[in-house]
Amino acid sequence: MPVYIQIFMLAVIILLSVYAISLCKQLWKLKHNEAIEKNKALQHSDNKKREAQESIHILLSCVLQDQVSLTEAAIRVSGLAKVLKLSEVEQQFYIAFDNLAMATSHIPILTDWGKLSAKEQKRFNDEREIIEGEHKDKVLSAAKRLSQPQ
């Protein structure tokens, strides 16, 4: 085989090797960046869970000190508990809050509350207090259980 063909084949082999090495470097960079993004996402998720746990702890403390209505606490705790992505066993500790939040879900809040007349607000407040009375023992018991160190 003539020398120029051998040199040409060697050059092709070298070029293909360089190309393969550059592809491997790109793949490594992609995997590295993917791992970094995954780590950031996990940290973000952990931060959201930690913030939700802290908020729940504060709400439970407020409930036990009678600083917030049971309905407001139930709505907030139920929502925050969903952020925690609890197991079925852990979800059982939050059922009292979920039940009260569901029982009062028809009562307007925020902007809708402001649109009500004073008479309607009083009627809904009276209804809320009755519903809270029905759920009070279970919600307070759950708040005490959840606020204890585990």
N, C-alpha and C. Protein backbone atom coordinates (compact mmCIF):
# COMPACT_ATOMS: atom_id res chain seq x y z
N MET A 1 0.86 -1.16 0.00
CA MET A 1 0.00 0.00 0.00
C MET A 1 0.92 1.24 0.00
N PRO A 2 0.58 2.22 -0.85
CA PRO A 2 1.43 3.41 -0.94
C PRO A 2 1.42 4.19 0.39
N VAL A 3 2.46 4.89 0.66
CA VAL A 3 2.65 5.64 1.90
C VAL A 3 1.61 6.75 2.04
N TYR A 4 1.28 7.45 0.95
CA TYR A 4 0.31 8.55 1.06
C TYR A 4 -1.07 8.05 1.50
N ILE A 5 -1.46 6.82 1.12
CA ILE A 5 -2.74 6.25 1.57
C ILE A 5 -2.65 5.94 3.08
N GLN A 6 -1.52 5.40 3.52
CA GLN A 6 -1.33 5.10 4.94
C GLN A 6 -1.39 6.40 5.77
N ILE A 7 -0.77 7.45 5.26
CA ILE A 7 -0.79 8.74 5.96
C ILE A 7 -2.21 9.29 6.00
N PHE A 8 -2.90 9.17 4.88
CA PHE A 8 -4.29 9.63 4.83
C PHE A 8 -5.15 8.86 5.83
N MET A 9 -5.00 7.53 5.89
CA MET A 9 -5.78 6.71 6.83
C MET A 9 -5.43 7.09 8.28
N LEU A 10 -4.17 7.33 8.56
CA LEU A 10 -3.74 7.73 9.89
C LEU A 10 -4.37 9.09 10.27
N ALA A 11 -4.38 10.02 9.29
CA ALA A 11 -4.98 11.33 9.53
C ALA A 11 -6.48 11.19 9.82
N VAL A 12 -7.17 10.33 9.06
CA VAL A 12 -8.61 10.10 9.30
C VAL A 12 -8.82 9.52 10.69
N ILE A 13 -7.99 8.57 11.06
CA ILE A 13 -8.11 7.94 12.39
C ILE A 13 -7.89 9.00 13.48
N ILE A 14 -6.89 9.85 13.32
CA ILE A 14 -6.61 10.90 14.30
C ILE A 14 -7.79 11.88 14.39
N LEU A 15 -8.31 12.29 13.22
CA LEU A 15 -9.45 13.22 13.22
C LEU A 15 -10.67 12.61 13.90
N LEU A 16 -10.95 11.35 13.58
CA LEU A 16 -12.10 10.68 14.22
C LEU A 16 -11.88 10.53 15.72
N SER A 17 -10.64 10.28 16.14
CA SER A 17 -10.35 10.17 17.57
C SER A 17 -10.56 11.51 18.27
N VAL A 18 -10.09 12.59 17.66
CA VAL A 18 -10.27 13.93 18.23
C VAL A 18 -11.76 14.25 18.34
N TYR A 19 -12.51 13.92 17.29
CA TYR A 19 -13.96 14.16 17.30
C TYR A 19 -14.64 13.35 18.41
N ALA A 20 -14.24 12.09 18.55
CA ALA A 20 -14.82 11.23 19.60
C ALA A 20 -14.50 11.79 20.98
N ILE A 21 -13.27 12.29 21.16
CA ILE A 21 -12.88 12.87 22.45
C ILE A 21 -13.70 14.13 22.74
N SER A 22 -13.93 14.97 21.71
CA SER A 22 -14.72 16.18 21.93
C SER A 22 -16.17 15.83 22.27
N LEU A 23 -16.70 14.79 21.63
CA LEU A 23 -18.07 14.35 21.97
C LEU A 23 -18.14 13.85 23.41
N CYS A 24 -17.12 13.14 23.82
CA CYS A 24 -17.09 12.64 25.21
C CYS A 24 -17.04 13.80 26.20
N LYS A 25 -16.25 14.84 25.88
CA LYS A 25 -16.17 16.01 26.75
C LYS A 25 -17.54 16.71 26.83
N GLN A 26 -18.22 16.85 25.70
CA GLN A 26 -19.54 17.49 25.70
C GLN A 26 -20.53 16.67 26.52
N LEU A 27 -20.48 15.36 26.37
CA LEU A 27 -21.37 14.49 27.14
C LEU A 27 -21.09 14.63 28.63
N TRP A 28 -19.81 14.67 28.99
CA TRP A 28 -19.45 14.82 30.40
C TRP A 28 -19.97 16.14 30.95
N LYS A 29 -19.82 17.24 30.16
CA LYS A 29 -20.32 18.54 30.59
C LYS A 29 -21.83 18.52 30.78
N LEU A 30 -22.54 17.89 29.85
CA LEU A 30 -24.00 17.78 29.97
C LEU A 30 -24.39 17.02 31.23
N LYS A 31 -23.73 15.91 31.48
CA LYS A 31 -24.04 15.11 32.67
C LYS A 31 -23.73 15.91 33.94
N HIS A 32 -22.61 16.63 33.91
CA HIS A 32 -22.21 17.44 35.06
C HIS A 32 -23.24 18.54 35.32
N ASN A 33 -23.63 19.24 34.26
CA ASN A 33 -24.63 20.31 34.40
C ASN A 33 -25.98 19.75 34.85
N GLU A 34 -26.33 18.58 34.34
CA GLU A 34 -27.58 17.93 34.74
C GLU A 34 -27.55 17.60 36.23
N ALA A 35 -26.42 17.11 36.70
CA ALA A 35 -26.28 16.78 38.12
C ALA A 35 -26.39 18.04 38.97
N ILE A 36 -25.79 19.14 38.51
CA ILE A 36 -25.86 20.42 39.24
C ILE A 36 -27.31 20.90 39.30
N GLU A 37 -28.02 20.84 38.18
CA GLU A 37 -29.43 21.28 38.15
C GLU A 37 -30.30 20.40 39.05
N LYS A 38 -30.03 19.11 39.03
CA LYS A 38 -30.80 18.20 39.89
C LYS A 38 -30.56 18.52 41.36
N ASN A 39 -29.32 18.81 41.70
CA ASN A 39 -28.97 19.17 43.07
C ASN A 39 -29.65 20.47 43.48
N LYS A 40 -29.67 21.46 42.58
CA LYS A 40 -30.34 22.72 42.86
C LYS A 40 -31.84 22.51 43.09
N ALA A 41 -32.45 21.66 42.24
CA ALA A 41 -33.88 21.37 42.38
C ALA A 41 -34.17 20.70 43.72
N LEU A 42 -33.30 19.77 44.12
CA LEU A 42 -33.49 19.11 45.41
C LEU A 42 -33.34 20.09 46.56
N GLN A 43 -32.37 20.99 46.47
CA GLN A 43 -32.19 22.00 47.51
C GLN A 43 -33.40 22.92 47.58
N HIS A 44 -33.90 23.32 46.42
CA HIS A 44 -35.08 24.18 46.38
C HIS A 44 -36.28 23.46 47.02
N SER A 45 -36.45 22.20 46.68
CA SER A 45 -37.54 21.42 47.25
C SER A 45 -37.37 21.28 48.76
N ASP A 46 -36.15 21.02 49.20
CA ASP A 46 -35.88 20.92 50.64
C ASP A 46 -36.16 22.25 51.34
N ASN A 47 -35.78 23.35 50.70
CA ASN A 47 -36.04 24.67 51.29
C ASN A 47 -37.54 24.92 51.42
N LYS A 48 -38.30 24.58 50.36
CA LYS A 48 -39.75 24.76 50.41
C LYS A 48 -40.36 23.92 51.52
N LYS A 49 -39.89 22.68 51.68
CA LYS A 49 -40.40 21.82 52.73
C LYS A 49 -40.06 22.38 54.11
N ARG A 50 -38.83 22.86 54.27
CA ARG A 50 -38.41 23.42 55.55
C ARG A 50 -39.25 24.66 55.90
N GLU A 51 -39.48 25.51 54.89
CA GLU A 51 -40.30 26.71 55.11
C GLU A 51 -41.73 26.32 55.47
N ALA A 52 -42.26 25.30 54.80
CA ALA A 52 -43.61 24.85 55.10
C ALA A 52 -43.69 24.30 56.52
N GLN A 53 -42.68 23.53 56.93
CA GLN A 53 -42.66 22.98 58.29
C GLN A 53 -42.59 24.10 59.32
N GLU A 54 -41.75 25.10 59.06
CA GLU A 54 -41.64 26.23 59.98
C GLU A 54 -42.96 26.99 60.07
N SER A 55 -43.60 27.20 58.93
CA SER A 55 -44.89 27.91 58.91
C SER A 55 -45.95 27.12 59.66
N ILE A 56 -45.96 25.81 59.47
CA ILE A 56 -46.92 24.98 60.20
C ILE A 56 -46.66 25.08 61.69
N HIS A 57 -45.41 25.02 62.09
CA HIS A 57 -45.07 25.11 63.51
C HIS A 57 -45.56 26.43 64.10
N ILE A 58 -45.36 27.53 63.37
CA ILE A 58 -45.81 28.85 63.84
C ILE A 58 -47.33 28.87 63.94
N LEU A 59 -48.02 28.33 62.93
CA LEU A 59 -49.49 28.31 62.96
C LEU A 59 -50.00 27.47 64.12
N LEU A 60 -49.37 26.33 64.37
CA LEU A 60 -49.79 25.48 65.49
C LEU A 60 -49.63 26.22 66.81
N SER A 61 -48.53 26.93 66.94
CA SER A 61 -48.30 27.72 68.14
C SER A 61 -49.38 28.79 68.30
N CYS A 62 -49.72 29.45 67.20
CA CYS A 62 -50.77 30.47 67.23
C CYS A 62 -52.13 29.86 67.58
N VAL A 63 -52.42 28.68 67.05
CA VAL A 63 -53.69 28.01 67.37
C VAL A 63 -53.76 27.70 68.86
N LEU A 64 -52.68 27.16 69.39
CA LEU A 64 -52.67 26.76 70.80
C LEU A 64 -52.71 27.97 71.74
N GLN A 65 -52.31 29.13 71.25
CA GLN A 65 -52.37 30.36 72.05
C GLN A 65 -53.60 31.18 71.70
N ASP A 66 -54.48 30.62 70.88
CA ASP A 66 -55.74 31.26 70.48
C ASP A 66 -55.49 32.62 69.81
N GLN A 67 -54.45 32.68 68.97
CA GLN A 67 -54.11 33.93 68.28
C GLN A 67 -54.62 33.97 66.85
N VAL A 68 -55.16 32.87 66.38
CA VAL A 68 -55.67 32.80 65.01
C VAL A 68 -56.92 31.91 65.04
N SER A 69 -57.86 32.20 64.15
CA SER A 69 -59.07 31.38 64.14
C SER A 69 -58.72 29.96 63.68
N LEU A 70 -59.47 29.01 64.17
CA LEU A 70 -59.23 27.62 63.80
C LEU A 70 -59.41 27.41 62.30
N THR A 71 -60.36 28.11 61.72
CA THR A 71 -60.61 27.97 60.28
C THR A 71 -59.41 28.47 59.48
N GLU A 72 -58.92 29.64 59.81
CA GLU A 72 -57.76 30.17 59.07
C GLU A 72 -56.57 29.24 59.21
N ALA A 73 -56.32 28.78 60.42
CA ALA A 73 -55.20 27.86 60.65
C ALA A 73 -55.40 26.57 59.87
N ALA A 74 -56.62 26.06 59.86
CA ALA A 74 -56.89 24.80 59.16
C ALA A 74 -56.64 24.94 57.66
N ILE A 75 -57.09 26.04 57.09
CA ILE A 75 -56.89 26.27 55.65
C ILE A 75 -55.39 26.34 55.35
N ARG A 76 -54.68 27.08 56.16
CA ARG A 76 -53.24 27.27 55.92
C ARG A 76 -52.45 25.99 56.18
N VAL A 77 -52.73 25.32 57.28
CA VAL A 77 -52.00 24.09 57.62
C VAL A 77 -52.26 23.02 56.56
N SER A 78 -53.51 22.89 56.13
CA SER A 78 -53.83 21.90 55.09
C SER A 78 -53.05 22.17 53.81
N GLY A 79 -52.99 23.42 53.41
CA GLY A 79 -52.25 23.78 52.20
C GLY A 79 -50.76 23.53 52.35
N LEU A 80 -50.21 23.92 53.49
CA LEU A 80 -48.78 23.73 53.72
C LEU A 80 -48.41 22.25 53.84
N ALA A 81 -49.31 21.45 54.40
CA ALA A 81 -49.03 20.02 54.54
C ALA A 81 -48.90 19.35 53.17
N LYS A 82 -49.61 19.87 52.19
CA LYS A 82 -49.52 19.31 50.84
C LYS A 82 -48.13 19.53 50.25
N VAL A 83 -47.48 20.63 50.62
CA VAL A 83 -46.12 20.92 50.16
C VAL A 83 -45.14 19.87 50.69
N LEU A 84 -45.43 19.35 51.89
CA LEU A 84 -44.53 18.39 52.53
C LEU A 84 -44.56 17.01 51.87
N LYS A 85 -45.59 16.74 51.08
CA LYS A 85 -45.73 15.43 50.41
C LYS A 85 -45.57 14.30 51.43
N LEU A 86 -46.50 14.26 52.36
CA LEU A 86 -46.46 13.33 53.47
C LEU A 86 -46.89 11.93 53.06
N SER A 87 -46.42 10.95 53.81
CA SER A 87 -46.88 9.58 53.61
C SER A 87 -48.31 9.48 54.13
N GLU A 88 -48.97 8.38 53.82
CA GLU A 88 -50.35 8.20 54.29
C GLU A 88 -50.43 8.21 55.81
N VAL A 89 -49.45 7.65 56.45
CA VAL A 89 -49.43 7.62 57.92
C VAL A 89 -49.29 9.04 58.46
N GLU A 90 -48.37 9.82 57.89
CA GLU A 90 -48.17 11.19 58.35
C GLU A 90 -49.38 12.07 58.06
N GLN A 91 -50.08 11.81 56.97
CA GLN A 91 -51.26 12.59 56.61
C GLN A 91 -52.36 12.46 57.66
N GLN A 92 -52.37 11.36 58.36
CA GLN A 92 -53.40 11.13 59.38
C GLN A 92 -53.35 12.19 60.47
N PHE A 93 -52.17 12.74 60.74
CA PHE A 93 -52.03 13.76 61.78
C PHE A 93 -52.68 15.08 61.37
N TYR A 94 -52.93 15.25 60.08
CA TYR A 94 -53.46 16.51 59.56
C TYR A 94 -54.94 16.43 59.18
N ILE A 95 -55.56 15.30 59.40
CA ILE A 95 -56.96 15.10 58.99
C ILE A 95 -57.89 16.11 59.65
N ALA A 96 -57.68 16.41 60.92
CA ALA A 96 -58.56 17.36 61.61
C ALA A 96 -58.52 18.72 60.92
N PHE A 97 -57.35 19.14 60.47
CA PHE A 97 -57.23 20.42 59.77
C PHE A 97 -57.91 20.35 58.40
N ASP A 98 -57.69 19.23 57.71
CA ASP A 98 -58.33 19.05 56.40
C ASP A 98 -59.86 19.06 56.52
N ASN A 99 -60.37 18.38 57.54
CA ASN A 99 -61.83 18.31 57.73
C ASN A 99 -62.43 19.69 58.00
N LEU A 100 -61.79 20.45 58.87
CA LEU A 100 -62.30 21.80 59.16
C LEU A 100 -62.19 22.70 57.93
N ALA A 101 -61.08 22.62 57.23
CA ALA A 101 -60.90 23.43 56.02
C ALA A 101 -61.99 23.09 54.99
N MET A 102 -62.29 21.81 54.86
CA MET A 102 -63.32 21.39 53.90
C MET A 102 -64.70 21.84 54.37
N ALA A 103 -64.96 21.74 55.65
CA ALA A 103 -66.28 22.11 56.17
C ALA A 103 -66.55 23.61 56.03
N THR A 104 -65.50 24.41 55.99
CA THR A 104 -65.68 25.86 55.88
C THR A 104 -65.31 26.40 54.50
N SER A 105 -65.06 25.51 53.56
CA SER A 105 -64.59 25.94 52.23
C SER A 105 -65.61 26.77 51.46
N HIS A 106 -66.87 26.69 51.85
CA HIS A 106 -67.91 27.47 51.14
C HIS A 106 -67.97 28.92 51.62
N ILE A 107 -67.29 29.23 52.72
CA ILE A 107 -67.32 30.59 53.27
C ILE A 107 -66.33 31.44 52.46
N PRO A 108 -66.78 32.57 51.96
CA PRO A 108 -65.90 33.44 51.15
C PRO A 108 -64.71 33.94 51.96
N ILE A 109 -63.60 34.16 51.27
CA ILE A 109 -62.40 34.70 51.92
C ILE A 109 -61.83 35.83 51.08
N LEU A 110 -60.91 36.55 51.68
CA LEU A 110 -60.16 37.63 51.03
C LEU A 110 -61.05 38.62 50.30
N THR A 111 -60.87 38.79 49.01
CA THR A 111 -61.62 39.79 48.25
C THR A 111 -63.11 39.51 48.28
N ASP A 112 -63.47 38.22 48.16
CA ASP A 112 -64.89 37.86 48.18
C ASP A 112 -65.54 38.23 49.51
N TRP A 113 -64.78 38.11 50.60
CA TRP A 113 -65.30 38.46 51.92
C TRP A 113 -65.61 39.95 51.97
N GLY A 114 -64.74 40.75 51.41
CA GLY A 114 -64.93 42.20 51.41
C GLY A 114 -66.14 42.64 50.61
N LYS A 115 -66.57 41.83 49.68
CA LYS A 115 -67.73 42.16 48.85
C LYS A 115 -69.06 41.87 49.56
N LEU A 116 -68.99 41.14 50.68
CA LEU A 116 -70.21 40.79 51.40
C LEU A 116 -70.73 41.97 52.21
N SER A 117 -72.02 41.99 52.41
CA SER A 117 -72.61 43.01 53.28
C SER A 117 -72.28 42.64 54.73
N ALA A 118 -72.47 43.59 55.62
CA ALA A 118 -72.20 43.35 57.04
C ALA A 118 -73.08 42.22 57.56
N LYS A 119 -74.32 42.17 57.09
CA LYS A 119 -75.26 41.13 57.52
C LYS A 119 -74.77 39.76 57.06
N GLU A 120 -74.30 39.69 55.81
CA GLU A 120 -73.80 38.41 55.29
C GLU A 120 -72.53 37.99 56.02
N GLN A 121 -71.66 38.94 56.31
CA GLN A 121 -70.43 38.62 57.03
C GLN A 121 -70.75 38.07 58.42
N LYS A 122 -71.74 38.68 59.08
CA LYS A 122 -72.13 38.20 60.41
C LYS A 122 -72.69 36.79 60.33
N ARG A 123 -73.52 36.55 59.32
CA ARG A 123 -74.10 35.21 59.16
C ARG A 123 -73.00 34.16 58.93
N PHE A 124 -72.04 34.50 58.06
CA PHE A 124 -70.95 33.55 57.81
C PHE A 124 -70.05 33.40 59.03
N ASN A 125 -69.83 34.47 59.78
CA ASN A 125 -69.03 34.38 61.00
C ASN A 125 -69.71 33.47 62.01
N ASP A 126 -71.02 33.63 62.17
CA ASP A 126 -71.78 32.77 63.09
C ASP A 126 -71.69 31.31 62.66
N GLU A 127 -71.85 31.09 61.36
CA GLU A 127 -71.76 29.72 60.82
C GLU A 127 -70.36 29.15 61.04
N ARG A 128 -69.33 29.96 60.79
CA ARG A 128 -67.95 29.52 60.98
C ARG A 128 -67.69 29.14 62.43
N GLU A 129 -68.20 29.94 63.34
CA GLU A 129 -67.99 29.65 64.77
C GLU A 129 -68.67 28.34 65.17
N ILE A 130 -69.84 28.07 64.62
CA ILE A 130 -70.53 26.81 64.91
C ILE A 130 -69.70 25.64 64.38
N ILE A 131 -69.23 25.76 63.14
CA ILE A 131 -68.44 24.69 62.53
C ILE A 131 -67.13 24.50 63.31
N GLU A 132 -66.49 25.59 63.67
CA GLU A 132 -65.26 25.50 64.47
C GLU A 132 -65.51 24.79 65.79
N GLY A 133 -66.66 25.10 66.41
CA GLY A 133 -67.00 24.45 67.68
C GLY A 133 -67.10 22.94 67.52
N GLU A 134 -67.64 22.50 66.38
CA GLU A 134 -67.78 21.06 66.12
C GLU A 134 -66.42 20.38 65.91
N HIS A 135 -65.46 21.13 65.44
CA HIS A 135 -64.14 20.55 65.11
C HIS A 135 -63.06 20.92 66.11
N LYS A 136 -63.37 21.78 67.05
CA LYS A 136 -62.37 22.37 67.94
C LYS A 136 -61.52 21.34 68.68
N ASP A 137 -62.15 20.38 69.31
CA ASP A 137 -61.39 19.41 70.11
C ASP A 137 -60.40 18.63 69.26
N LYS A 138 -60.83 18.19 68.09
CA LYS A 138 -59.94 17.41 67.22
C LYS A 138 -58.80 18.27 66.68
N VAL A 139 -59.10 19.51 66.31
CA VAL A 139 -58.06 20.39 65.77
C VAL A 139 -57.05 20.73 66.85
N LEU A 140 -57.52 21.06 68.04
CA LEU A 140 -56.59 21.39 69.13
C LEU A 140 -55.76 20.17 69.53
N SER A 141 -56.38 19.02 69.54
CA SER A 141 -55.63 17.79 69.85
C SER A 141 -54.56 17.54 68.80
N ALA A 142 -54.91 17.70 67.54
CA ALA A 142 -53.94 17.51 66.46
C ALA A 142 -52.83 18.56 66.56
N ALA A 143 -53.18 19.79 66.89
CA ALA A 143 -52.18 20.85 67.02
C ALA A 143 -51.20 20.52 68.14
N LYS A 144 -51.71 20.03 69.24
CA LYS A 144 -50.83 19.66 70.36
C LYS A 144 -49.90 18.52 69.96
N ARG A 145 -50.46 17.50 69.30
CA ARG A 145 -49.65 16.36 68.86
C ARG A 145 -48.56 16.79 67.89
N LEU A 146 -48.94 17.61 66.93
CA LEU A 146 -47.99 18.03 65.90
C LEU A 146 -46.95 19.01 66.41
N SER A 147 -47.27 19.75 67.45
CA SER A 147 -46.31 20.74 67.96
C SER A 147 -45.29 20.12 68.91
N GLN A 148 -45.52 18.89 69.32
CA GLN A 148 -44.56 18.22 70.20
C GLN A 148 -43.36 17.76 69.38
N PRO A 149 -42.15 17.85 69.98
CA PRO A 149 -40.96 17.37 69.27
C PRO A 149 -41.09 15.87 68.98
N GLN A 150 -40.60 15.51 67.81
CA GLN A 150 -40.74 14.09 67.43
C GLN A 150 -39.43 13.39 67.39
